[in-house]
Amino acid sequence: MSDLNTKPNIDGVDDFYAELLAAHEGLSKEQSDGLNARLVLILANHIGERATLSQALAAAAQTKE
């Protein structure tokens, strides 16, 4: 089992963030929510480790906007 890595770990993080924002451009709230849900499920499938996914869910639930 892997521990969840919450430290910066993305090459070209600013470019990825810009790409993520661009993917949402022009979408309705419902379409944007759908895109986010599909992205989460695709990345969760790629990670594949249930324990890591549970850690990620717990970490995301603790972060309040």
PDB file of N, CA and C in Angstrom:
ATOM      1  N   MET A   1       0.843  -1.176   0.000  1.00  0.00           N
ATOM      2  CA  MET A   1       0.000   0.000   0.000  1.00  0.00           C
ATOM      3  C   MET A   1       0.891   1.243   0.000  1.00  0.00           C
ATOM      4  N   SER A   2       0.524   2.196  -0.838  1.00  0.00           N
ATOM      5  CA  SER A   2       1.257   3.458  -0.912  1.00  0.00           C
ATOM      6  C   SER A   2       0.600   4.507  -0.029  1.00  0.00           C
ATOM      7  N   ASP A   3       1.432   5.399   0.513  1.00  0.00           N
ATOM      8  CA  ASP A   3       0.899   6.550   1.215  1.00  0.00           C
ATOM      9  C   ASP A   3       0.531   7.605   0.188  1.00  0.00           C
ATOM     10  N   LEU A   4      -0.493   8.339   0.473  1.00  0.00           N
ATOM     11  CA  LEU A   4      -0.941   9.399  -0.416  1.00  0.00           C
ATOM     12  C   LEU A   4       0.106  10.504  -0.458  1.00  0.00           C
ATOM     13  N   ASN A   5       0.525  10.884  -1.649  1.00  0.00           N
ATOM     14  CA  ASN A   5       1.488  11.964  -1.832  1.00  0.00           C
ATOM     15  C   ASN A   5       0.710  13.261  -2.024  1.00  0.00           C
ATOM     16  N   THR A   6       0.800  14.167  -1.056  1.00  0.00           N
ATOM     17  CA  THR A   6       0.111  15.452  -1.164  1.00  0.00           C
ATOM     18  C   THR A   6       1.092  16.599  -1.413  1.00  0.00           C
ATOM     19  N   LYS A   7       2.354  16.267  -1.641  1.00  0.00           N
ATOM     20  CA  LYS A   7       3.359  17.282  -1.964  1.00  0.00           C
ATOM     21  C   LYS A   7       3.340  17.537  -3.468  1.00  0.00           C
ATOM     22  N   PRO A   8       3.748  18.732  -3.915  1.00  0.00           N
ATOM     23  CA  PRO A   8       3.777  19.019  -5.353  1.00  0.00           C
ATOM     24  C   PRO A   8       4.523  17.921  -6.112  1.00  0.00           C
ATOM     25  N   ASN A   9       3.888  17.392  -7.162  1.00  0.00           N
ATOM     26  CA  ASN A   9       4.449  16.240  -7.859  1.00  0.00           C
ATOM     27  C   ASN A   9       4.072  16.230  -9.345  1.00  0.00           C
ATOM     28  N   ILE A  10       3.733  17.378  -9.913  1.00  0.00           N
ATOM     29  CA  ILE A  10       3.301  17.453 -11.308  1.00  0.00           C
ATOM     30  C   ILE A  10       4.314  18.273 -12.088  1.00  0.00           C
ATOM     31  N   ASP A  11       4.896  17.673 -13.117  1.00  0.00           N
ATOM     32  CA  ASP A  11       5.771  18.430 -14.014  1.00  0.00           C
ATOM     33  C   ASP A  11       4.919  19.451 -14.765  1.00  0.00           C
ATOM     34  N   GLY A  12       5.379  20.673 -14.838  1.00  0.00           N
ATOM     35  CA  GLY A  12       4.641  21.706 -15.563  1.00  0.00           C
ATOM     36  C   GLY A  12       3.285  21.987 -14.939  1.00  0.00           C
ATOM     37  N   VAL A  13       3.252  22.122 -13.618  1.00  0.00           N
ATOM     38  CA  VAL A  13       1.983  22.282 -12.892  1.00  0.00           C
ATOM     39  C   VAL A  13       1.177  23.468 -13.403  1.00  0.00           C
ATOM     40  N   ASP A  14       1.821  24.577 -13.718  1.00  0.00           N
ATOM     41  CA  ASP A  14       1.088  25.742 -14.213  1.00  0.00           C
ATOM     42  C   ASP A  14       0.460  25.462 -15.573  1.00  0.00           C
ATOM     43  N   ASP A  15       1.185  24.747 -16.413  1.00  0.00           N
ATOM     44  CA  ASP A  15       0.637  24.375 -17.724  1.00  0.00           C
ATOM     45  C   ASP A  15      -0.557  23.431 -17.567  1.00  0.00           C
ATOM     46  N   PHE A  16      -0.442  22.485 -16.633  1.00  0.00           N
ATOM     47  CA  PHE A  16      -1.565  21.570 -16.402  1.00  0.00           C
ATOM     48  C   PHE A  16      -2.780  22.332 -15.893  1.00  0.00           C
ATOM     49  N   TYR A  17      -2.562  23.268 -14.965  1.00  0.00           N
ATOM     50  CA  TYR A  17      -3.677  24.048 -14.428  1.00  0.00           C
ATOM     51  C   TYR A  17      -4.357  24.845 -15.538  1.00  0.00           C
ATOM     52  N   ALA A  18      -3.572  25.446 -16.420  1.00  0.00           N
ATOM     53  CA  ALA A  18      -4.130  26.193 -17.551  1.00  0.00           C
ATOM     54  C   ALA A  18      -4.926  25.260 -18.465  1.00  0.00           C
ATOM     55  N   GLU A  19      -4.415  24.056 -18.688  1.00  0.00           N
ATOM     56  CA  GLU A  19      -5.104  23.070 -19.526  1.00  0.00           C
ATOM     57  C   GLU A  19      -6.424  22.647 -18.886  1.00  0.00           C
ATOM     58  N   LEU A  20      -6.406  22.463 -17.572  1.00  0.00           N
ATOM     59  CA  LEU A  20      -7.614  22.099 -16.836  1.00  0.00           C
ATOM     60  C   LEU A  20      -8.665  23.201 -16.946  1.00  0.00           C
ATOM     61  N   LEU A  21      -8.251  24.443 -16.747  1.00  0.00           N
ATOM     62  CA  LEU A  21      -9.187  25.565 -16.876  1.00  0.00           C
ATOM     63  C   LEU A  21      -9.740  25.658 -18.298  1.00  0.00           C
ATOM     64  N   ALA A  22      -8.873  25.467 -19.284  1.00  0.00           N
ATOM     65  CA  ALA A  22      -9.301  25.534 -20.686  1.00  0.00           C
ATOM     66  C   ALA A  22     -10.322  24.446 -21.010  1.00  0.00           C
ATOM     67  N   ALA A  23     -10.173  23.283 -20.402  1.00  0.00           N
ATOM     68  CA  ALA A  23     -11.115  22.185 -20.644  1.00  0.00           C
ATOM     69  C   ALA A  23     -12.517  22.540 -20.153  1.00  0.00           C
ATOM     70  N   HIS A  24     -12.605  23.429 -19.170  1.00  0.00           N
ATOM     71  CA  HIS A  24     -13.892  23.834 -18.599  1.00  0.00           C
ATOM     72  C   HIS A  24     -14.484  25.067 -19.285  1.00  0.00           C
ATOM     73  N   GLU A  25     -13.677  25.721 -20.099  1.00  0.00           N
ATOM     74  CA  GLU A  25     -14.112  26.959 -20.736  1.00  0.00           C
ATOM     75  C   GLU A  25     -15.341  26.730 -21.615  1.00  0.00           C
ATOM     76  N   GLY A  26     -16.349  27.545 -21.415  1.00  0.00           N
ATOM     77  CA  GLY A  26     -17.558  27.474 -22.223  1.00  0.00           C
ATOM     78  C   GLY A  26     -18.556  26.415 -21.785  1.00  0.00           C
ATOM     79  N   LEU A  27     -18.234  25.661 -20.740  1.00  0.00           N
ATOM     80  CA  LEU A  27     -19.145  24.625 -20.263  1.00  0.00           C
ATOM     81  C   LEU A  27     -20.138  25.205 -19.260  1.00  0.00           C
ATOM     82  N   SER A  28     -21.316  24.632 -19.235  1.00  0.00           N
ATOM     83  CA  SER A  28     -22.273  24.983 -18.194  1.00  0.00           C
ATOM     84  C   SER A  28     -21.788  24.374 -16.875  1.00  0.00           C
ATOM     85  N   LYS A  29     -22.410  24.775 -15.778  1.00  0.00           N
ATOM     86  CA  LYS A  29     -22.068  24.200 -14.458  1.00  0.00           C
ATOM     87  C   LYS A  29     -22.244  22.687 -14.489  1.00  0.00           C
ATOM     88  N   GLU A  30     -23.332  22.230 -15.077  1.00  0.00           N
ATOM     89  CA  GLU A  30     -23.606  20.784 -15.146  1.00  0.00           C
ATOM     90  C   GLU A  30     -22.549  20.065 -15.989  1.00  0.00           C
ATOM     91  N   GLN A  31     -22.175  20.633 -17.117  1.00  0.00           N
ATOM     92  CA  GLN A  31     -21.146  20.026 -17.963  1.00  0.00           C
ATOM     93  C   GLN A  31     -19.787  20.029 -17.263  1.00  0.00           C
ATOM     94  N   SER A  32     -19.477  21.121 -16.566  1.00  0.00           N
ATOM     95  CA  SER A  32     -18.219  21.220 -15.832  1.00  0.00           C
ATOM     96  C   SER A  32     -18.162  20.188 -14.710  1.00  0.00           C
ATOM     97  N   ASP A  33     -19.263  20.043 -13.985  1.00  0.00           N
ATOM     98  CA  ASP A  33     -19.323  19.020 -12.932  1.00  0.00           C
ATOM     99  C   ASP A  33     -19.144  17.622 -13.512  1.00  0.00           C
ATOM    100  N   GLY A  34     -19.742  17.379 -14.668  1.00  0.00           N
ATOM    101  CA  GLY A  34     -19.589  16.081 -15.328  1.00  0.00           C
ATOM    102  C   GLY A  34     -18.156  15.817 -15.748  1.00  0.00           C
ATOM    103  N   LEU A  35     -17.509  16.843 -16.288  1.00  0.00           N
ATOM    104  CA  LEU A  35     -16.101  16.715 -16.670  1.00  0.00           C
ATOM    105  C   LEU A  35     -15.251  16.376 -15.452  1.00  0.00           C
ATOM    106  N   ASN A  36     -15.485  17.095 -14.348  1.00  0.00           N
ATOM    107  CA  ASN A  36     -14.733  16.818 -13.120  1.00  0.00           C
ATOM    108  C   ASN A  36     -14.966  15.391 -12.628  1.00  0.00           C
ATOM    109  N   ALA A  37     -16.208  14.944 -12.654  1.00  0.00           N
ATOM    110  CA  ALA A  37     -16.524  13.587 -12.192  1.00  0.00           C
ATOM    111  C   ALA A  37     -15.834  12.540 -13.067  1.00  0.00           C
ATOM    112  N   ARG A  38     -15.865  12.740 -14.379  1.00  0.00           N
ATOM    113  CA  ARG A  38     -15.207  11.782 -15.281  1.00  0.00           C
ATOM    114  C   ARG A  38     -13.701  11.771 -15.053  1.00  0.00           C
ATOM    115  N   LEU A  39     -13.124  12.962 -14.862  1.00  0.00           N
ATOM    116  CA  LEU A  39     -11.686  13.054 -14.620  1.00  0.00           C
ATOM    117  C   LEU A  39     -11.309  12.336 -13.330  1.00  0.00           C
ATOM    118  N   VAL A  40     -12.081  12.544 -12.274  1.00  0.00           N
ATOM    119  CA  VAL A  40     -11.812  11.868 -10.999  1.00  0.00           C
ATOM    120  C   VAL A  40     -11.861  10.354 -11.180  1.00  0.00           C
ATOM    121  N   LEU A  41     -12.871   9.858 -11.876  1.00  0.00           N
ATOM    122  CA  LEU A  41     -13.002   8.406 -12.057  1.00  0.00           C
ATOM    123  C   LEU A  41     -11.879   7.828 -12.922  1.00  0.00           C
ATOM    124  N   ILE A  42     -11.473   8.556 -13.944  1.00  0.00           N
ATOM    125  CA  ILE A  42     -10.365   8.097 -14.793  1.00  0.00           C
ATOM    126  C   ILE A  42      -9.069   8.028 -13.984  1.00  0.00           C
ATOM    127  N   LEU A  43      -8.804   9.084 -13.198  1.00  0.00           N
ATOM    128  CA  LEU A  43      -7.581   9.103 -12.388  1.00  0.00           C
ATOM    129  C   LEU A  43      -7.637   8.070 -11.269  1.00  0.00           C
ATOM    130  N   ALA A  44      -8.816   7.887 -10.668  1.00  0.00           N
ATOM    131  CA  ALA A  44      -8.964   6.855  -9.629  1.00  0.00           C
ATOM    132  C   ALA A  44      -8.680   5.477 -10.210  1.00  0.00           C
ATOM    133  N   ASN A  45      -9.177   5.220 -11.415  1.00  0.00           N
ATOM    134  CA  ASN A  45      -8.921   3.942 -12.068  1.00  0.00           C
ATOM    135  C   ASN A  45      -7.425   3.767 -12.335  1.00  0.00           C
ATOM    136  N   HIS A  46      -6.769   4.851 -12.740  1.00  0.00           N
ATOM    137  CA  HIS A  46      -5.333   4.784 -13.009  1.00  0.00           C
ATOM    138  C   HIS A  46      -4.551   4.479 -11.729  1.00  0.00           C
ATOM    139  N   ILE A  47      -4.929   5.110 -10.620  1.00  0.00           N
ATOM    140  CA  ILE A  47      -4.267   4.858  -9.336  1.00  0.00           C
ATOM    141  C   ILE A  47      -4.503   3.416  -8.904  1.00  0.00           C
ATOM    142  N   GLY A  48      -5.752   3.017  -8.913  1.00  0.00           N
ATOM    143  CA  GLY A  48      -6.112   1.624  -8.689  1.00  0.00           C
ATOM    144  C   GLY A  48      -6.035   1.097  -7.269  1.00  0.00           C
ATOM    145  N   GLU A  49      -5.273   1.726  -6.408  1.00  0.00           N
ATOM    146  CA  GLU A  49      -5.128   1.245  -5.029  1.00  0.00           C
ATOM    147  C   GLU A  49      -6.228   1.809  -4.159  1.00  0.00           C
ATOM    148  N   ARG A  50      -7.103   0.935  -3.689  1.00  0.00           N
ATOM    149  CA  ARG A  50      -8.268   1.346  -2.907  1.00  0.00           C
ATOM    150  C   ARG A  50      -7.887   2.128  -1.659  1.00  0.00           C
ATOM    151  N   ALA A  51      -6.835   1.715  -0.973  1.00  0.00           N
ATOM    152  CA  ALA A  51      -6.415   2.406   0.251  1.00  0.00           C
ATOM    153  C   ALA A  51      -5.962   3.829  -0.058  1.00  0.00           C
ATOM    154  N   THR A  52      -5.225   4.011  -1.145  1.00  0.00           N
ATOM    155  CA  THR A  52      -4.769   5.338  -1.544  1.00  0.00           C
ATOM    156  C   THR A  52      -5.950   6.218  -1.916  1.00  0.00           C
ATOM    157  N   LEU A  53      -6.916   5.633  -2.618  1.00  0.00           N
ATOM    158  CA  LEU A  53      -8.115   6.388  -2.994  1.00  0.00           C
ATOM    159  C   LEU A  53      -8.895   6.817  -1.757  1.00  0.00           C
ATOM    160  N   SER A  54      -8.981   5.950  -0.760  1.00  0.00           N
ATOM    161  CA  SER A  54      -9.665   6.301   0.493  1.00  0.00           C
ATOM    162  C   SER A  54      -8.939   7.437   1.203  1.00  0.00           C
ATOM    163  N   GLN A  55      -7.607   7.399   1.191  1.00  0.00           N
ATOM    164  CA  GLN A  55      -6.827   8.486   1.790  1.00  0.00           C
ATOM    165  C   GLN A  55      -7.092   9.799   1.049  1.00  0.00           C
ATOM    166  N   ALA A  56      -7.162   9.735  -0.269  1.00  0.00           N
ATOM    167  CA  ALA A  56      -7.423  10.930  -1.076  1.00  0.00           C
ATOM    168  C   ALA A  56      -8.807  11.503  -0.780  1.00  0.00           C
ATOM    169  N   LEU A  57      -9.798  10.632  -0.657  1.00  0.00           N
ATOM    170  CA  LEU A  57     -11.158  11.090  -0.322  1.00  0.00           C
ATOM    171  C   LEU A  57     -11.170  11.781   1.037  1.00  0.00           C
ATOM    172  N   ALA A  58     -10.512  11.189   2.013  1.00  0.00           N
ATOM    173  CA  ALA A  58     -10.466  11.768   3.349  1.00  0.00           C
ATOM    174  C   ALA A  58      -9.754  13.129   3.316  1.00  0.00           C
ATOM    175  N   ALA A  59      -8.659  13.230   2.573  1.00  0.00           N
ATOM    176  CA  ALA A  59      -7.925  14.487   2.499  1.00  0.00           C
ATOM    177  C   ALA A  59      -8.759  15.567   1.820  1.00  0.00           C
ATOM    178  N   ALA A  60      -9.458  15.198   0.765  1.00  0.00           N
ATOM    179  CA  ALA A  60     -10.301  16.170   0.044  1.00  0.00           C
ATOM    180  C   ALA A  60     -11.479  16.612   0.902  1.00  0.00           C
ATOM    181  N   ALA A  61     -12.024  15.708   1.696  1.00  0.00           N
ATOM    182  CA  ALA A  61     -13.167  16.045   2.548  1.00  0.00           C
ATOM    183  C   ALA A  61     -12.765  16.997   3.675  1.00  0.00           C
ATOM    184  N   GLN A  62     -11.507  16.977   4.091  1.00  0.00           N
ATOM    185  CA  GLN A  62     -11.020  17.852   5.160  1.00  0.00           C
ATOM    186  C   GLN A  62     -10.773  19.270   4.670  1.00  0.00           C
ATOM    187  N   THR A  63     -10.581  19.429   3.385  1.00  0.00           N
ATOM    188  CA  THR A  63     -10.287  20.740   2.823  1.00  0.00           C
ATOM    189  C   THR A  63     -11.592  21.469   2.544  1.00  0.00           C
ATOM    190  N   LYS A  64     -11.809  22.531   3.275  1.00  0.00           N
ATOM    191  CA  LYS A  64     -13.026  23.334   3.120  1.00  0.00           C
ATOM    192  C   LYS A  64     -12.677  24.605   2.353  1.00  0.00           C
ATOM    193  N   GLU A  65     -13.556  24.998   1.462  1.00  0.00           N
ATOM    194  CA  GLU A  65     -13.339  26.246   0.706  1.00  0.00           C
ATOM    195  C   GLU A  65     -13.810  27.419   1.513  1.00  0.00           C
TER     196      GLU A  65
END
